[in-house]
Amino acid sequence: MAAIRRAGKARGRSAQAGVTKGDMKISVIIPVYKAERFVEEATRSALAQPETGEVILVEDGSPDNALAVCGELAKTDERIRLLQHPDGRNHGAAASRNLGIQSARHPLVAFLDADDVYVPGCFDAVVNTLATQPDIDGVYGTVALFANDEEARDRHSKSSWPSTLGMRRHVAPEELLDVLTAGGAGSFCTDGIVVRRTLFGKSGLFDTRFSISQDTHLWIRMAAVGRLAPIPRGQMMARARIHADNRVTGRDGAFRLAGSRLVWAALLRWCNTHNTSYSSRRSLARRYVSATQGLVSHKGIFPATFLSVTSCLFLLTHASRPWKVEGFSTLAFNASGVGLLWTRTRAWLSARGAT
């Protein structure tokens, strides 16, 4: 099997300030976990792009045969590098991407999930934009979803997931922070972004504390400290596969709400310390309230009351004029216990009347 590099043994070359178009090679980072069926197709799709300088496979302690598959792939092309965490155990996608970033050798960095694929020519507009606009730190595009089988197709049809992931309109780099924090205008995903490696020095890496939405957390930080631009609308970068083992699409609503609530809280703290716009912080507070209210509906009355109380205290501490945030008054009413008791009593009486 090809030699596996451990974390910390090699670092990428220092970023070069002035890079010509011909030198703008991309390090594609692919975290690999339970992906023995798909990782070869993902890797080949990355290698097929002329701009790809290397593909970094980060094997994340997968219980299947993924490590052996990655080892065989690494023998076939010198551009493929195989890494593992120092202890060889599972650390999650965020930690695996961070290991790839720290080991990257090229000035541009892209991410691809091991079960997804790039489309031909996906980096053409990316490199053109970054070569001609040195003030742009990263470029994002659209990703299409596709079902791996009939079961996945049926699950997707019953879900709220769209057929494509991307921004619904053109957003200027200076407007992106406010648009992303406000929500409602779409979002780009991990498969659909390429950034200059130097940007991580300002934004930081993926935050490994979160089980979901680590990418959203990073994109918002990047939009606050850098300039991210879209490629022309209609140009697709990748295709994301839906299947039974998807980490997010296979999880229930309460799990997603709890994870999102933690992310909005962390971003509100971060934005407070980085002097971002009032509108962005106001939007983050609103989304924190919305996630909390959704989570409250999944809990019994006493845990729900406690959650409402602690959330109100958090907002009073970290949000400017939280009483003006949409939904705060309802959350405060719930925190008193009276609001929840009244709401659930009405729902119970209504259900009894319907029967």
Protein backbone atom coordinates (compact mmCIF):
# COMPACT_ATOMS: atom_id res chain seq x y z
CA MET A 1 0.00 0.00 0.00
CA ALA A 2 1.17 3.54 -0.69
CA ALA A 3 2.74 5.33 2.24
CA ILE A 4 0.27 7.16 4.46
CA ARG A 5 1.31 10.52 5.81
CA ARG A 6 0.36 11.41 9.38
CA ALA A 7 -0.69 14.86 10.52
CA GLY A 8 2.06 17.32 11.27
CA LYS A 9 4.83 15.65 9.27
CA ALA A 10 4.65 17.91 6.25
CA ARG A 11 3.39 21.39 5.62
CA GLY A 12 2.48 23.00 2.32
CA ARG A 13 4.70 25.58 0.74
CA SER A 14 4.08 29.14 1.79
CA ALA A 15 1.45 30.94 -0.27
CA GLN A 16 2.81 33.01 -3.11
CA ALA A 17 1.58 36.56 -3.38
CA GLY A 18 1.73 36.96 -7.14
CA VAL A 19 0.47 33.90 -8.99
CA THR A 20 0.00 33.64 -12.75
CA LYS A 21 -2.93 31.77 -14.25
CA GLY A 22 -0.70 28.89 -15.28
CA ASP A 23 0.56 28.50 -11.71
CA MET A 24 -2.90 28.52 -10.12
CA LYS A 25 -3.13 24.86 -9.31
CA ILE A 26 -5.75 23.56 -6.91
CA SER A 27 -5.40 21.23 -3.93
CA VAL A 28 -8.63 19.18 -3.81
CA ILE A 29 -9.34 17.84 -0.32
CA ILE A 30 -11.56 14.76 0.03
CA PRO A 31 -12.41 13.50 3.53
CA VAL A 32 -13.10 9.77 3.35
CA TYR A 33 -15.42 7.94 5.74
CA LYS A 34 -17.60 4.94 4.84
CA ALA A 35 -17.10 5.77 1.16
CA GLU A 36 -15.39 2.71 -0.31
CA ARG A 37 -18.12 2.53 -3.00
CA PHE A 38 -17.74 6.13 -4.15
CA VAL A 39 -14.27 7.50 -3.43
CA GLU A 40 -12.66 6.31 -6.66
CA GLU A 41 -15.27 8.07 -8.80
CA ALA A 42 -14.85 11.26 -6.75
CA THR A 43 -11.06 11.11 -7.06
CA ARG A 44 -11.13 10.48 -10.80
CA SER A 45 -13.48 13.41 -11.32
CA ALA A 46 -11.03 15.70 -9.51
CA LEU A 47 -8.00 14.39 -11.41
CA ALA A 48 -9.83 14.97 -14.70
CA GLN A 49 -9.72 18.75 -14.13
CA PRO A 50 -6.57 20.31 -15.72
CA GLU A 51 -6.29 22.77 -12.82
CA THR A 52 -6.01 20.05 -10.16
CA GLY A 53 -2.48 19.98 -8.76
CA GLU A 54 -3.15 17.33 -6.13
CA VAL A 55 -5.94 15.31 -4.57
CA ILE A 56 -5.59 14.88 -0.81
CA LEU A 57 -7.52 11.87 0.48
CA VAL A 58 -7.95 12.13 4.25
CA GLU A 59 -8.98 8.69 5.48
CA ASP A 60 -10.99 9.29 8.65
CA GLY A 61 -10.91 5.95 10.49
CA SER A 62 -13.55 4.45 8.23
CA PRO A 63 -14.96 1.06 9.35
CA ASP A 64 -15.28 -0.17 5.77
CA ASN A 65 -12.57 -0.94 3.23
CA ALA A 66 -12.02 2.73 2.32
CA LEU A 67 -8.41 2.83 3.52
CA ALA A 68 -7.39 -0.01 1.22
CA VAL A 69 -9.26 1.56 -1.70
CA CYS A 70 -7.51 4.89 -1.09
CA GLY A 71 -4.16 3.14 -0.86
CA GLU A 72 -4.67 1.52 -4.23
CA LEU A 73 -5.75 4.84 -5.73
CA ALA A 74 -2.61 6.55 -4.41
CA LYS A 75 -0.50 4.07 -6.37
CA THR A 76 -2.09 5.05 -9.67
CA ASP A 77 -1.28 8.79 -9.78
CA GLU A 78 1.47 10.80 -8.09
CA ARG A 79 -0.95 13.67 -7.60
CA ILE A 80 -2.92 11.59 -5.07
CA ARG A 81 -1.76 11.94 -1.47
CA LEU A 82 -3.20 9.75 1.30
CA LEU A 83 -3.34 11.12 4.86
CA GLN A 84 -4.69 9.88 8.18
CA HIS A 85 -5.11 11.47 11.59
CA PRO A 86 -2.19 10.75 13.98
CA ASP A 87 -4.17 8.17 15.97
CA GLY A 88 -5.83 6.64 12.87
CA ARG A 89 -9.28 7.18 14.39
CA ASN A 90 -12.42 8.94 13.22
CA HIS A 91 -12.42 12.70 13.88
CA GLY A 92 -15.15 13.92 11.53
CA ALA A 93 -15.28 15.80 8.25
CA ALA A 94 -14.27 19.17 9.71
CA ALA A 95 -11.07 17.86 11.32
CA SER A 96 -10.26 15.89 8.17
CA ARG A 97 -10.66 18.94 5.94
CA ASN A 98 -8.49 20.93 8.34
CA LEU A 99 -5.75 18.30 8.06
CA GLY A 100 -5.97 18.59 4.28
CA ILE A 101 -5.78 22.39 4.39
CA GLN A 102 -2.71 22.28 6.62
CA SER A 103 -1.03 19.84 4.23
CA ALA A 104 -2.01 21.54 0.96
CA ARG A 105 0.83 22.46 -1.43
CA HIS A 106 -0.96 24.69 -3.94
CA PRO A 107 -2.23 28.28 -3.76
CA LEU A 108 -5.92 27.34 -4.23
CA VAL A 109 -7.96 24.92 -2.11
CA ALA A 110 -11.18 23.10 -3.02
CA PHE A 111 -13.28 20.50 -1.21
CA LEU A 112 -15.13 17.48 -2.52
CA ASP A 113 -17.10 14.95 -0.51
CA ALA A 114 -16.04 11.37 -1.18
CA ASP A 115 -19.50 10.43 -2.48
CA ASP A 116 -19.79 13.39 -4.88
CA VAL A 117 -18.25 14.22 -8.27
CA TYR A 118 -16.97 17.27 -10.11
CA VAL A 119 -18.40 18.05 -13.54
CA PRO A 120 -15.99 18.54 -16.49
CA GLY A 121 -14.58 22.05 -16.74
CA CYS A 122 -15.76 23.00 -13.26
CA PHE A 123 -12.62 25.03 -12.48
CA ASP A 124 -12.44 27.03 -15.74
CA ALA A 125 -14.37 30.07 -14.50
CA VAL A 126 -12.85 29.73 -11.04
CA VAL A 127 -9.27 30.15 -12.24
CA ASN A 128 -10.23 32.87 -14.73
CA THR A 129 -11.86 34.89 -11.95
CA LEU A 130 -9.05 34.47 -9.44
CA ALA A 131 -6.34 35.15 -12.04
CA THR A 132 -7.91 38.39 -13.26
CA GLN A 133 -9.24 39.69 -9.92
CA PRO A 134 -6.49 39.52 -7.29
CA ASP A 135 -8.76 41.20 -4.72
CA ILE A 136 -11.11 38.18 -4.78
CA ASP A 137 -10.29 35.55 -2.12
CA GLY A 138 -12.58 32.79 -3.32
CA VAL A 139 -15.18 31.75 -5.87
CA TYR A 140 -18.36 29.71 -5.43
CA GLY A 141 -20.87 28.08 -7.78
CA THR A 142 -23.82 25.73 -8.03
CA VAL A 143 -24.02 22.05 -7.07
CA ALA A 144 -26.75 19.71 -8.34
CA LEU A 145 -28.21 16.92 -6.21
CA PHE A 146 -28.78 13.47 -7.67
CA ALA A 147 -30.21 10.28 -6.16
CA ASN A 148 -28.03 7.21 -6.00
CA ASP A 149 -30.98 4.80 -6.18
CA GLU A 150 -34.77 4.62 -6.09
CA GLU A 151 -34.93 4.72 -2.29
CA ALA A 152 -32.81 7.88 -2.20
CA ARG A 153 -34.92 9.42 -4.98
CA ASP A 154 -38.08 8.74 -2.99
CA ARG A 155 -36.58 10.19 0.20
CA HIS A 156 -35.48 13.32 -1.63
CA SER A 157 -38.89 13.82 -3.21
CA LYS A 158 -40.50 13.77 0.26
CA SER A 159 -37.98 16.16 1.78
CA SER A 160 -37.59 19.93 1.60
CA TRP A 161 -34.21 19.66 -0.13
CA PRO A 162 -33.92 21.53 -3.46
CA SER A 163 -32.59 20.02 -6.68
CA THR A 164 -29.61 22.40 -6.71
CA LEU A 165 -27.56 24.10 -4.01
CA GLY A 166 -26.39 27.64 -4.68
CA MET A 167 -27.24 31.31 -4.38
CA ARG A 168 -30.54 32.22 -6.04
CA ARG A 169 -29.29 35.58 -7.27
CA HIS A 170 -26.04 37.38 -7.96
CA VAL A 171 -24.53 38.72 -4.74
CA ALA A 172 -21.64 41.18 -4.70
CA PRO A 173 -18.77 40.22 -2.35
CA GLU A 174 -19.40 43.21 -0.10
CA GLU A 175 -23.05 42.16 0.35
CA LEU A 176 -22.46 38.45 0.92
CA LEU A 177 -22.13 38.54 4.72
CA ASP A 178 -25.50 40.23 5.19
CA VAL A 179 -27.15 37.97 2.61
CA LEU A 180 -25.82 34.74 4.14
CA THR A 181 -26.73 35.70 7.68
CA ALA A 182 -30.21 36.86 6.67
CA GLY A 183 -30.94 33.61 4.81
CA GLY A 184 -33.60 33.09 2.18
CA ALA A 185 -31.32 33.70 -0.82
CA GLY A 186 -29.80 30.25 -1.00
CA SER A 187 -26.33 29.14 -0.03
CA PHE A 188 -23.32 27.42 -1.56
CA CYS A 189 -22.02 24.09 -0.31
CA THR A 190 -18.63 22.54 0.31
CA ASP A 191 -18.36 20.96 -3.16
CA GLY A 192 -18.98 24.33 -4.79
CA ILE A 193 -16.27 26.64 -3.48
CA VAL A 194 -12.57 27.28 -4.22
CA VAL A 195 -10.55 29.72 -2.10
CA ARG A 196 -7.04 31.07 -1.93
CA ARG A 197 -5.12 29.21 0.76
CA THR A 198 -4.12 32.54 2.30
CA LEU A 199 -7.76 33.21 3.27
CA PHE A 200 -7.61 30.61 6.04
CA GLY A 201 -5.03 32.79 7.78
CA LYS A 202 -7.78 35.39 8.27
CA SER A 203 -10.90 33.26 8.68
CA GLY A 204 -9.48 30.29 10.53
CA LEU A 205 -10.24 26.65 9.72
CA PHE A 206 -13.40 24.57 10.05
CA ASP A 207 -14.69 24.57 13.65
CA THR A 208 -14.61 20.98 14.88
CA ARG A 209 -17.03 21.59 17.76
CA PHE A 210 -20.08 21.26 15.52
CA SER A 211 -21.66 18.07 14.22
CA ILE A 212 -23.44 19.84 11.36
CA SER A 213 -23.18 23.19 9.52
CA GLN A 214 -19.42 23.52 10.01
CA ASP A 215 -19.29 24.72 6.41
CA THR A 216 -21.91 27.45 6.97
CA HIS A 217 -19.96 28.60 10.01
CA LEU A 218 -16.78 28.95 7.93
CA TRP A 219 -18.39 30.55 4.86
CA ILE A 220 -19.90 33.31 7.01
CA ARG A 221 -16.55 33.97 8.67
CA MET A 222 -14.90 34.04 5.24
CA ALA A 223 -17.51 36.48 3.95
CA ALA A 224 -16.77 38.73 6.93
CA VAL A 225 -12.98 38.87 6.48
CA GLY A 226 -12.58 38.20 2.74
CA ARG A 227 -14.21 38.68 -0.64
CA LEU A 228 -16.06 35.73 -2.17
CA ALA A 229 -17.50 36.06 -5.67
CA PRO A 230 -19.88 33.87 -7.73
CA ILE A 231 -19.03 32.27 -11.03
CA PRO A 232 -21.56 33.03 -13.79
CA ARG A 233 -25.03 31.71 -13.02
CA GLY A 234 -25.93 28.41 -14.60
CA GLN A 235 -22.38 27.04 -14.44
CA MET A 236 -22.43 23.92 -12.30
CA MET A 237 -19.36 22.83 -10.36
CA ALA A 238 -20.29 19.43 -8.95
CA ARG A 239 -23.00 16.82 -8.43
CA ALA A 240 -23.81 15.77 -4.85
CA ARG A 241 -25.06 12.25 -4.32
CA ILE A 242 -28.05 11.43 -2.10
CA HIS A 243 -27.92 8.00 -0.51
CA ALA A 244 -28.85 6.20 2.70
CA ASP A 245 -25.65 7.10 4.56
CA ASN A 246 -25.73 10.88 3.97
CA ARG A 247 -24.73 12.56 7.23
CA VAL A 248 -27.24 15.41 7.08
CA THR A 249 -30.11 14.31 4.87
CA GLY A 250 -30.52 11.18 6.98
CA ARG A 251 -30.90 13.05 10.31
CA ASP A 252 -34.10 14.14 12.02
CA GLY A 253 -35.38 17.68 12.47
CA ALA A 254 -34.56 17.99 16.18
CA PHE A 255 -30.93 17.05 15.55
CA ARG A 256 -30.58 19.64 12.78
CA LEU A 257 -32.27 22.34 14.86
CA ALA A 258 -30.01 21.69 17.85
CA GLY A 259 -26.93 21.78 15.65
CA SER A 260 -28.02 24.95 13.84
CA ARG A 261 -28.78 26.68 17.14
CA LEU A 262 -25.21 26.07 18.35
CA VAL A 263 -23.79 27.39 15.07
CA TRP A 264 -25.87 30.61 15.14
CA ALA A 265 -24.84 31.19 18.76
CA ALA A 266 -21.14 30.71 17.96
CA LEU A 267 -21.36 33.00 14.93
CA LEU A 268 -23.09 35.70 16.97
CA ARG A 269 -20.24 35.59 19.49
CA TRP A 270 -17.66 35.65 16.67
CA CYS A 271 -19.31 38.56 14.86
CA ASN A 272 -19.48 40.55 18.10
CA THR A 273 -15.70 40.29 18.46
CA HIS A 274 -14.99 41.05 14.78
CA ASN A 275 -17.05 44.22 14.48
CA THR A 276 -19.32 43.00 11.68
CA SER A 277 -22.40 44.93 10.56
CA TYR A 278 -25.35 45.39 12.90
CA SER A 279 -27.65 43.81 10.30
CA SER A 280 -25.58 40.62 10.20
CA ARG A 281 -25.62 40.30 13.99
CA ARG A 282 -29.35 41.04 14.09
CA SER A 283 -29.97 38.31 11.50
CA LEU A 284 -27.90 35.78 13.45
CA ALA A 285 -29.87 36.55 16.60
CA ARG A 286 -33.14 36.05 14.69
CA ARG A 287 -31.98 32.70 13.31
CA TYR A 288 -30.86 31.62 16.78
CA VAL A 289 -34.37 32.43 18.06
CA SER A 290 -35.98 30.55 15.16
CA ALA A 291 -33.88 27.43 15.76
CA THR A 292 -34.60 27.59 19.48
CA GLN A 293 -38.35 27.87 18.91
CA GLY A 294 -38.24 24.89 16.57
CA LEU A 295 -36.29 22.88 19.12
CA VAL A 296 -38.71 23.86 21.89
CA SER A 297 -41.53 22.20 19.97
CA HIS A 298 -39.69 18.87 20.17
CA LYS A 299 -39.30 18.92 23.97
CA GLY A 300 -41.48 18.34 27.01
CA ILE A 301 -42.77 21.39 28.87
CA PHE A 302 -40.09 21.52 31.57
CA PRO A 303 -37.05 21.01 29.28
CA ALA A 304 -38.65 23.43 26.81
CA THR A 305 -39.08 26.08 29.51
CA PHE A 306 -35.46 25.67 30.63
CA LEU A 307 -34.27 25.95 27.02
CA SER A 308 -36.31 29.14 26.55
CA VAL A 309 -34.88 30.67 29.73
CA THR A 310 -31.25 29.94 28.88
CA SER A 311 -31.77 31.18 25.31
CA CYS A 312 -33.23 34.48 26.50
CA LEU A 313 -30.29 34.94 28.87
CA PHE A 314 -27.87 34.25 26.00
CA LEU A 315 -29.54 36.85 23.79
CA LEU A 316 -29.62 39.45 26.56
CA THR A 317 -25.87 38.92 26.95
CA HIS A 318 -24.79 38.68 23.31
CA ALA A 319 -27.38 40.46 21.15
CA SER A 320 -27.91 44.19 20.83
CA ARG A 321 -31.47 45.13 21.86
CA PRO A 322 -32.71 41.51 21.72
CA TRP A 323 -36.29 42.54 22.52
CA LYS A 324 -36.42 43.96 18.99
CA VAL A 325 -35.40 40.63 17.43
CA GLU A 326 -38.26 38.84 15.68
CA GLY A 327 -39.58 36.03 17.90
CA PHE A 328 -37.86 37.15 21.11
CA SER A 329 -41.13 38.15 22.82
CA THR A 330 -42.58 34.68 22.16
CA LEU A 331 -39.41 33.08 23.47
CA ALA A 332 -39.58 35.21 26.61
CA PHE A 333 -43.25 34.28 27.07
CA ASN A 334 -42.28 30.62 26.79
CA ALA A 335 -39.50 31.18 29.32
CA SER A 336 -42.09 32.21 31.88
CA GLY A 337 -43.67 28.76 31.56
CA VAL A 338 -47.08 30.33 31.05
CA GLY A 339 -46.68 30.62 27.29
CA LEU A 340 -45.80 26.97 26.78
CA LEU A 341 -48.50 25.78 29.14
CA TRP A 342 -51.11 27.89 27.35
CA THR A 343 -49.97 26.85 23.86
CA ARG A 344 -49.87 23.15 24.62
CA THR A 345 -53.15 23.18 26.52
CA ARG A 346 -54.83 24.76 23.51
CA ALA A 347 -53.26 22.17 21.21
CA TRP A 348 -54.45 19.36 23.51
CA LEU A 349 -58.00 20.73 23.66
CA SER A 350 -58.04 21.18 19.89
CA ALA A 351 -56.91 17.59 19.38
CA ARG A 352 -59.61 16.30 21.73
CA GLY A 353 -62.23 18.36 19.92
CA ALA A 354 -61.12 16.95 16.56
CA THR A 355 -61.66 13.40 17.84
